Amino acid sequence: MKNILNRGKQALYIFTILIILLSSVVGIKKYLEILFTMDNNDEKQLGYYELRIFVSESMVLSLTFLLGAEIIETIINPSIRALAGVTLAFALRLVITFVIDRDINLLNEEKKDIETELVD
């Protein structure tokens, strides 16, 4: 049973790293597309908002996998140190999720304003 949990924990760590790497590559690609292919400043601003939302959501997703791995670690090796790791990961995810969620809501409002200006 411990072996299965260890493999699950390792898989979650790998997913965390893959999400961060892939979202970084996609984010850089989108940034370069926005920078070099869009001429209209409003369209560029809209693209930047969409990019920030994408990166923010990717960070939250990677933190979710990281928290899952930390929980499995606590199950495998119950100790004060493991519990502290889970508590720290949970607190970090909670704070970052709160900040990112607020940022995403603000970005979506600003994005709607720009979309409205583009239509008019």
N, C-alpha and C. Protein backbone atom coordinates (compact mmCIF):
# COMPACT_ATOMS: atom_id res chain seq x y z
N MET A 1 0.82 -1.20 0.00
CA MET A 1 0.00 0.00 0.00
C MET A 1 0.87 1.27 0.00
N LYS A 2 1.94 1.23 0.81
CA LYS A 2 2.84 2.37 0.88
C LYS A 2 3.49 2.64 -0.48
N ASN A 3 3.82 1.58 -1.21
CA ASN A 3 4.43 1.70 -2.53
C ASN A 3 3.48 2.40 -3.51
N ILE A 4 2.21 2.03 -3.45
CA ILE A 4 1.22 2.65 -4.34
C ILE A 4 1.08 4.13 -4.02
N LEU A 5 1.03 4.46 -2.73
CA LEU A 5 0.92 5.86 -2.34
C LEU A 5 2.16 6.66 -2.76
N ASN A 6 3.33 6.05 -2.63
CA ASN A 6 4.56 6.73 -3.07
C ASN A 6 4.53 7.02 -4.57
N ARG A 7 4.07 6.04 -5.33
CA ARG A 7 3.97 6.26 -6.79
C ARG A 7 2.94 7.33 -7.11
N GLY A 8 1.85 7.33 -6.38
CA GLY A 8 0.84 8.38 -6.58
C GLY A 8 1.38 9.76 -6.25
N LYS A 9 2.14 9.83 -5.16
CA LYS A 9 2.76 11.10 -4.76
C LYS A 9 3.73 11.57 -5.84
N GLN A 10 4.55 10.66 -6.33
CA GLN A 10 5.51 11.02 -7.38
C GLN A 10 4.79 11.48 -8.65
N ALA A 11 3.69 10.80 -8.98
CA ALA A 11 2.91 11.20 -10.16
C ALA A 11 2.36 12.61 -9.99
N LEU A 12 1.88 12.93 -8.80
CA LEU A 12 1.35 14.27 -8.57
C LEU A 12 2.44 15.34 -8.66
N TYR A 13 3.63 15.02 -8.15
CA TYR A 13 4.75 15.96 -8.29
C TYR A 13 5.11 16.15 -9.77
N ILE A 14 5.10 15.06 -10.52
CA ILE A 14 5.40 15.16 -11.96
C ILE A 14 4.34 16.00 -12.67
N PHE A 15 3.05 15.78 -12.34
CA PHE A 15 1.98 16.58 -12.94
C PHE A 15 2.17 18.06 -12.61
N THR A 16 2.56 18.34 -11.37
CA THR A 16 2.80 19.73 -10.96
C THR A 16 3.87 20.37 -11.83
N ILE A 17 4.98 19.66 -11.99
CA ILE A 17 6.09 20.19 -12.80
C ILE A 17 5.67 20.33 -14.26
N LEU A 18 4.97 19.33 -14.79
CA LEU A 18 4.53 19.40 -16.18
C LEU A 18 3.58 20.57 -16.42
N ILE A 19 2.66 20.80 -15.51
CA ILE A 19 1.72 21.92 -15.66
C ILE A 19 2.49 23.23 -15.68
N ILE A 20 3.44 23.38 -14.77
CA ILE A 20 4.22 24.62 -14.72
C ILE A 20 5.03 24.80 -16.01
N LEU A 21 5.70 23.73 -16.45
CA LEU A 21 6.51 23.82 -17.67
C LEU A 21 5.67 24.09 -18.90
N LEU A 22 4.59 23.32 -19.06
CA LEU A 22 3.75 23.49 -20.25
C LEU A 22 3.06 24.85 -20.27
N SER A 23 2.57 25.29 -19.13
CA SER A 23 1.92 26.61 -19.11
C SER A 23 2.94 27.72 -19.35
N SER A 24 4.18 27.51 -18.92
CA SER A 24 5.22 28.51 -19.21
C SER A 24 5.52 28.58 -20.70
N VAL A 25 5.65 27.43 -21.33
CA VAL A 25 5.92 27.40 -22.77
C VAL A 25 4.76 28.02 -23.55
N VAL A 26 3.54 27.62 -23.21
CA VAL A 26 2.36 28.16 -23.89
C VAL A 26 2.25 29.66 -23.62
N GLY A 27 2.53 30.07 -22.38
CA GLY A 27 2.47 31.49 -22.04
C GLY A 27 3.48 32.31 -22.81
N ILE A 28 4.70 31.82 -22.94
CA ILE A 28 5.73 32.53 -23.70
C ILE A 28 5.32 32.62 -25.17
N LYS A 29 4.79 31.51 -25.70
CA LYS A 29 4.36 31.50 -27.10
C LYS A 29 3.24 32.53 -27.32
N LYS A 30 2.26 32.55 -26.42
CA LYS A 30 1.15 33.51 -26.54
C LYS A 30 1.66 34.94 -26.41
N TYR A 31 2.60 35.15 -25.49
CA TYR A 31 3.15 36.50 -25.30
C TYR A 31 3.83 36.98 -26.58
N LEU A 32 4.64 36.12 -27.18
CA LEU A 32 5.33 36.50 -28.41
C LEU A 32 4.35 36.75 -29.55
N GLU A 33 3.28 35.94 -29.62
CA GLU A 33 2.25 36.17 -30.64
C GLU A 33 1.60 37.53 -30.45
N ILE A 34 1.27 37.85 -29.20
CA ILE A 34 0.65 39.14 -28.91
C ILE A 34 1.61 40.27 -29.27
N LEU A 35 2.84 40.12 -28.88
CA LEU A 35 3.84 41.17 -29.07
C LEU A 35 4.11 41.46 -30.55
N PHE A 36 4.20 40.40 -31.36
CA PHE A 36 4.64 40.59 -32.74
C PHE A 36 3.54 40.51 -33.80
N THR A 37 2.35 40.05 -33.45
CA THR A 37 1.33 39.91 -34.49
C THR A 37 0.16 40.87 -34.35
N MET A 38 -0.01 41.47 -33.18
CA MET A 38 -1.15 42.37 -32.99
C MET A 38 -0.69 43.82 -33.10
N ASP A 39 -1.42 44.58 -33.92
CA ASP A 39 -1.06 45.98 -34.12
C ASP A 39 -1.90 46.91 -33.25
N ASN A 40 -3.16 46.56 -33.07
CA ASN A 40 -4.08 47.38 -32.30
C ASN A 40 -3.77 47.26 -30.81
N ASN A 41 -3.59 48.40 -30.14
CA ASN A 41 -3.26 48.38 -28.71
C ASN A 41 -4.35 47.75 -27.86
N ASP A 42 -5.62 47.97 -28.24
CA ASP A 42 -6.73 47.37 -27.49
C ASP A 42 -6.70 45.84 -27.62
N GLU A 43 -6.40 45.36 -28.83
CA GLU A 43 -6.30 43.91 -29.02
C GLU A 43 -5.12 43.34 -28.23
N LYS A 44 -4.01 44.08 -28.20
CA LYS A 44 -2.86 43.64 -27.42
C LYS A 44 -3.23 43.57 -25.94
N GLN A 45 -3.90 44.60 -25.46
CA GLN A 45 -4.29 44.63 -24.05
C GLN A 45 -5.21 43.46 -23.74
N LEU A 46 -6.14 43.17 -24.62
CA LEU A 46 -7.05 42.04 -24.46
C LEU A 46 -6.27 40.73 -24.43
N GLY A 47 -5.28 40.60 -25.32
CA GLY A 47 -4.44 39.41 -25.34
C GLY A 47 -3.64 39.25 -24.06
N TYR A 48 -3.13 40.38 -23.52
CA TYR A 48 -2.39 40.31 -22.26
C TYR A 48 -3.29 39.87 -21.11
N TYR A 49 -4.53 40.35 -21.09
CA TYR A 49 -5.47 39.94 -20.05
C TYR A 49 -5.74 38.44 -20.12
N GLU A 50 -5.98 37.96 -21.35
CA GLU A 50 -6.23 36.53 -21.51
C GLU A 50 -5.01 35.70 -21.10
N LEU A 51 -3.82 36.20 -21.42
CA LEU A 51 -2.59 35.50 -21.03
C LEU A 51 -2.43 35.45 -19.52
N ARG A 52 -2.67 36.56 -18.85
CA ARG A 52 -2.56 36.58 -17.38
C ARG A 52 -3.57 35.65 -16.74
N ILE A 53 -4.77 35.59 -17.28
CA ILE A 53 -5.79 34.68 -16.75
C ILE A 53 -5.33 33.24 -16.93
N PHE A 54 -4.81 32.90 -18.10
CA PHE A 54 -4.33 31.55 -18.37
C PHE A 54 -3.22 31.14 -17.40
N VAL A 55 -2.24 32.02 -17.23
CA VAL A 55 -1.11 31.71 -16.34
C VAL A 55 -1.60 31.58 -14.90
N SER A 56 -2.50 32.45 -14.49
CA SER A 56 -3.03 32.38 -13.12
C SER A 56 -3.77 31.08 -12.87
N GLU A 57 -4.61 30.69 -13.81
CA GLU A 57 -5.35 29.43 -13.64
C GLU A 57 -4.41 28.23 -13.64
N SER A 58 -3.35 28.29 -14.42
CA SER A 58 -2.36 27.21 -14.44
C SER A 58 -1.64 27.10 -13.10
N MET A 59 -1.33 28.23 -12.49
CA MET A 59 -0.68 28.21 -11.19
C MET A 59 -1.57 27.58 -10.13
N VAL A 60 -2.85 27.92 -10.15
CA VAL A 60 -3.79 27.32 -9.18
C VAL A 60 -3.87 25.82 -9.40
N LEU A 61 -3.94 25.38 -10.64
CA LEU A 61 -4.01 23.95 -10.93
C LEU A 61 -2.76 23.23 -10.44
N SER A 62 -1.59 23.80 -10.68
CA SER A 62 -0.36 23.15 -10.22
C SER A 62 -0.29 23.09 -8.70
N LEU A 63 -0.77 24.13 -8.03
CA LEU A 63 -0.80 24.11 -6.57
C LEU A 63 -1.75 23.05 -6.03
N THR A 64 -2.82 22.78 -6.76
CA THR A 64 -3.75 21.73 -6.35
C THR A 64 -3.06 20.37 -6.38
N PHE A 65 -2.32 20.08 -7.43
CA PHE A 65 -1.59 18.82 -7.50
C PHE A 65 -0.51 18.75 -6.43
N LEU A 66 0.16 19.86 -6.18
CA LEU A 66 1.19 19.90 -5.14
C LEU A 66 0.58 19.61 -3.76
N LEU A 67 -0.57 20.18 -3.49
CA LEU A 67 -1.25 19.93 -2.22
C LEU A 67 -1.63 18.46 -2.09
N GLY A 68 -2.11 17.86 -3.18
CA GLY A 68 -2.43 16.43 -3.16
C GLY A 68 -1.21 15.59 -2.84
N ALA A 69 -0.07 15.93 -3.41
CA ALA A 69 1.16 15.19 -3.13
C ALA A 69 1.58 15.34 -1.67
N GLU A 70 1.41 16.53 -1.13
CA GLU A 70 1.77 16.76 0.27
C GLU A 70 0.84 15.99 1.21
N ILE A 71 -0.42 15.88 0.86
CA ILE A 71 -1.38 15.10 1.67
C ILE A 71 -0.99 13.63 1.67
N ILE A 72 -0.63 13.12 0.50
CA ILE A 72 -0.19 11.72 0.42
C ILE A 72 1.07 11.51 1.25
N GLU A 73 1.99 12.47 1.21
CA GLU A 73 3.21 12.37 2.02
C GLU A 73 2.87 12.28 3.50
N THR A 74 1.88 13.04 3.92
CA THR A 74 1.47 13.01 5.33
C THR A 74 0.85 11.67 5.70
N ILE A 75 0.13 11.07 4.76
CA ILE A 75 -0.47 9.76 5.01
C ILE A 75 0.63 8.69 5.12
N ILE A 76 1.62 8.77 4.23
CA ILE A 76 2.69 7.78 4.22
C ILE A 76 3.58 7.91 5.45
N ASN A 77 3.99 9.11 5.74
CA ASN A 77 4.91 9.37 6.86
C ASN A 77 4.29 10.38 7.81
N PRO A 78 3.36 9.94 8.65
CA PRO A 78 2.73 10.90 9.55
C PRO A 78 3.74 11.42 10.58
N SER A 79 4.00 12.70 10.51
CA SER A 79 4.92 13.33 11.45
C SER A 79 4.55 14.81 11.54
N ILE A 80 5.13 15.46 12.51
CA ILE A 80 4.90 16.89 12.66
C ILE A 80 5.43 17.64 11.44
N ARG A 81 6.58 17.20 10.93
CA ARG A 81 7.17 17.85 9.75
C ARG A 81 6.25 17.70 8.52
N ALA A 82 5.72 16.50 8.32
CA ALA A 82 4.82 16.27 7.18
C ALA A 82 3.54 17.09 7.33
N LEU A 83 3.02 17.13 8.56
CA LEU A 83 1.81 17.92 8.81
C LEU A 83 2.09 19.40 8.58
N ALA A 84 3.26 19.86 8.98
CA ALA A 84 3.63 21.25 8.74
C ALA A 84 3.73 21.52 7.24
N GLY A 85 4.25 20.56 6.47
CA GLY A 85 4.33 20.72 5.02
C GLY A 85 2.96 20.84 4.38
N VAL A 86 2.02 20.00 4.83
CA VAL A 86 0.65 20.07 4.30
C VAL A 86 0.02 21.40 4.69
N THR A 87 0.21 21.79 5.94
CA THR A 87 -0.37 23.05 6.40
C THR A 87 0.18 24.22 5.61
N LEU A 88 1.48 24.21 5.38
CA LEU A 88 2.10 25.28 4.61
C LEU A 88 1.59 25.27 3.16
N ALA A 89 1.54 24.10 2.54
CA ALA A 89 1.05 24.00 1.16
C ALA A 89 -0.40 24.45 1.07
N PHE A 90 -1.21 24.05 2.06
CA PHE A 90 -2.62 24.44 2.05
C PHE A 90 -2.76 25.95 2.23
N ALA A 91 -2.01 26.52 3.16
CA ALA A 91 -2.08 27.97 3.39
C ALA A 91 -1.61 28.73 2.15
N LEU A 92 -0.54 28.25 1.54
CA LEU A 92 -0.02 28.88 0.33
C LEU A 92 -1.06 28.83 -0.79
N ARG A 93 -1.64 27.67 -0.97
CA ARG A 93 -2.66 27.53 -2.02
C ARG A 93 -3.86 28.41 -1.73
N LEU A 94 -4.28 28.48 -0.48
CA LEU A 94 -5.43 29.30 -0.10
C LEU A 94 -5.18 30.77 -0.39
N VAL A 95 -4.03 31.27 0.02
CA VAL A 95 -3.71 32.68 -0.20
C VAL A 95 -3.56 32.98 -1.68
N ILE A 96 -2.80 32.15 -2.37
CA ILE A 96 -2.58 32.39 -3.80
C ILE A 96 -3.88 32.26 -4.58
N THR A 97 -4.70 31.29 -4.24
CA THR A 97 -5.98 31.13 -4.93
C THR A 97 -6.86 32.36 -4.70
N PHE A 98 -6.88 32.86 -3.48
CA PHE A 98 -7.67 34.06 -3.18
C PHE A 98 -7.19 35.25 -4.01
N VAL A 99 -5.89 35.47 -4.02
CA VAL A 99 -5.32 36.60 -4.76
C VAL A 99 -5.54 36.43 -6.26
N ILE A 100 -5.30 35.23 -6.76
CA ILE A 100 -5.46 34.99 -8.19
C ILE A 100 -6.92 35.10 -8.60
N ASP A 101 -7.82 34.58 -7.78
CA ASP A 101 -9.25 34.66 -8.10
C ASP A 101 -9.69 36.12 -8.17
N ARG A 102 -9.23 36.93 -7.24
CA ARG A 102 -9.55 38.35 -7.26
C ARG A 102 -8.97 39.00 -8.51
N ASP A 103 -7.74 38.65 -8.85
CA ASP A 103 -7.08 39.19 -10.03
C ASP A 103 -7.82 38.78 -11.30
N ILE A 104 -8.23 37.51 -11.37
CA ILE A 104 -8.95 37.03 -12.54
C ILE A 104 -10.28 37.77 -12.71
N ASN A 105 -10.98 38.00 -11.61
CA ASN A 105 -12.24 38.74 -11.69
C ASN A 105 -12.02 40.16 -12.19
N LEU A 106 -10.98 40.82 -11.70
CA LEU A 106 -10.66 42.17 -12.18
C LEU A 106 -10.27 42.15 -13.66
N LEU A 107 -9.46 41.17 -14.04
CA LEU A 107 -9.05 41.06 -15.44
C LEU A 107 -10.25 40.81 -16.34
N ASN A 108 -11.18 39.96 -15.91
CA ASN A 108 -12.37 39.69 -16.72
C ASN A 108 -13.22 40.94 -16.89
N GLU A 109 -13.33 41.76 -15.83
CA GLU A 109 -14.08 43.01 -15.94
C GLU A 109 -13.41 43.96 -16.93
N GLU A 110 -12.09 44.10 -16.81
CA GLU A 110 -11.36 44.97 -17.73
C GLU A 110 -11.41 44.43 -19.16
N LYS A 111 -11.37 43.11 -19.29
CA LYS A 111 -11.45 42.48 -20.61
C LYS A 111 -12.79 42.79 -21.26
N LYS A 112 -13.87 42.71 -20.49
CA LYS A 112 -15.20 43.03 -21.02
C LYS A 112 -15.27 44.48 -21.47
N ASP A 113 -14.66 45.39 -20.70
CA ASP A 113 -14.65 46.80 -21.08
C ASP A 113 -13.94 47.01 -22.41
N ILE A 114 -12.80 46.34 -22.58
CA ILE A 114 -12.04 46.47 -23.83
C ILE A 114 -12.82 45.85 -24.98
N GLU A 115 -13.44 44.68 -24.75
CA GLU A 115 -14.25 44.05 -25.81
C GLU A 115 -15.39 44.95 -26.23
N THR A 116 -15.99 45.64 -25.26
CA THR A 116 -17.08 46.56 -25.57
C THR A 116 -16.57 47.72 -26.41
N GLU A 117 -15.38 48.23 -26.07
CA GLU A 117 -14.79 49.33 -26.85
C GLU A 117 -14.46 48.88 -28.26
N LEU A 118 -14.00 47.64 -28.42
CA LEU A 118 -13.65 47.12 -29.75
C LEU A 118 -14.90 47.00 -30.63
N VAL A 119 -16.02 46.61 -30.01
CA VAL A 119 -17.27 46.43 -30.76
C VAL A 119 -17.82 47.79 -31.19
N ASP A 120 -17.70 48.80 -30.30
CA ASP A 120 -18.23 50.12 -30.60
C ASP A 120 -17.42 50.82 -31.61
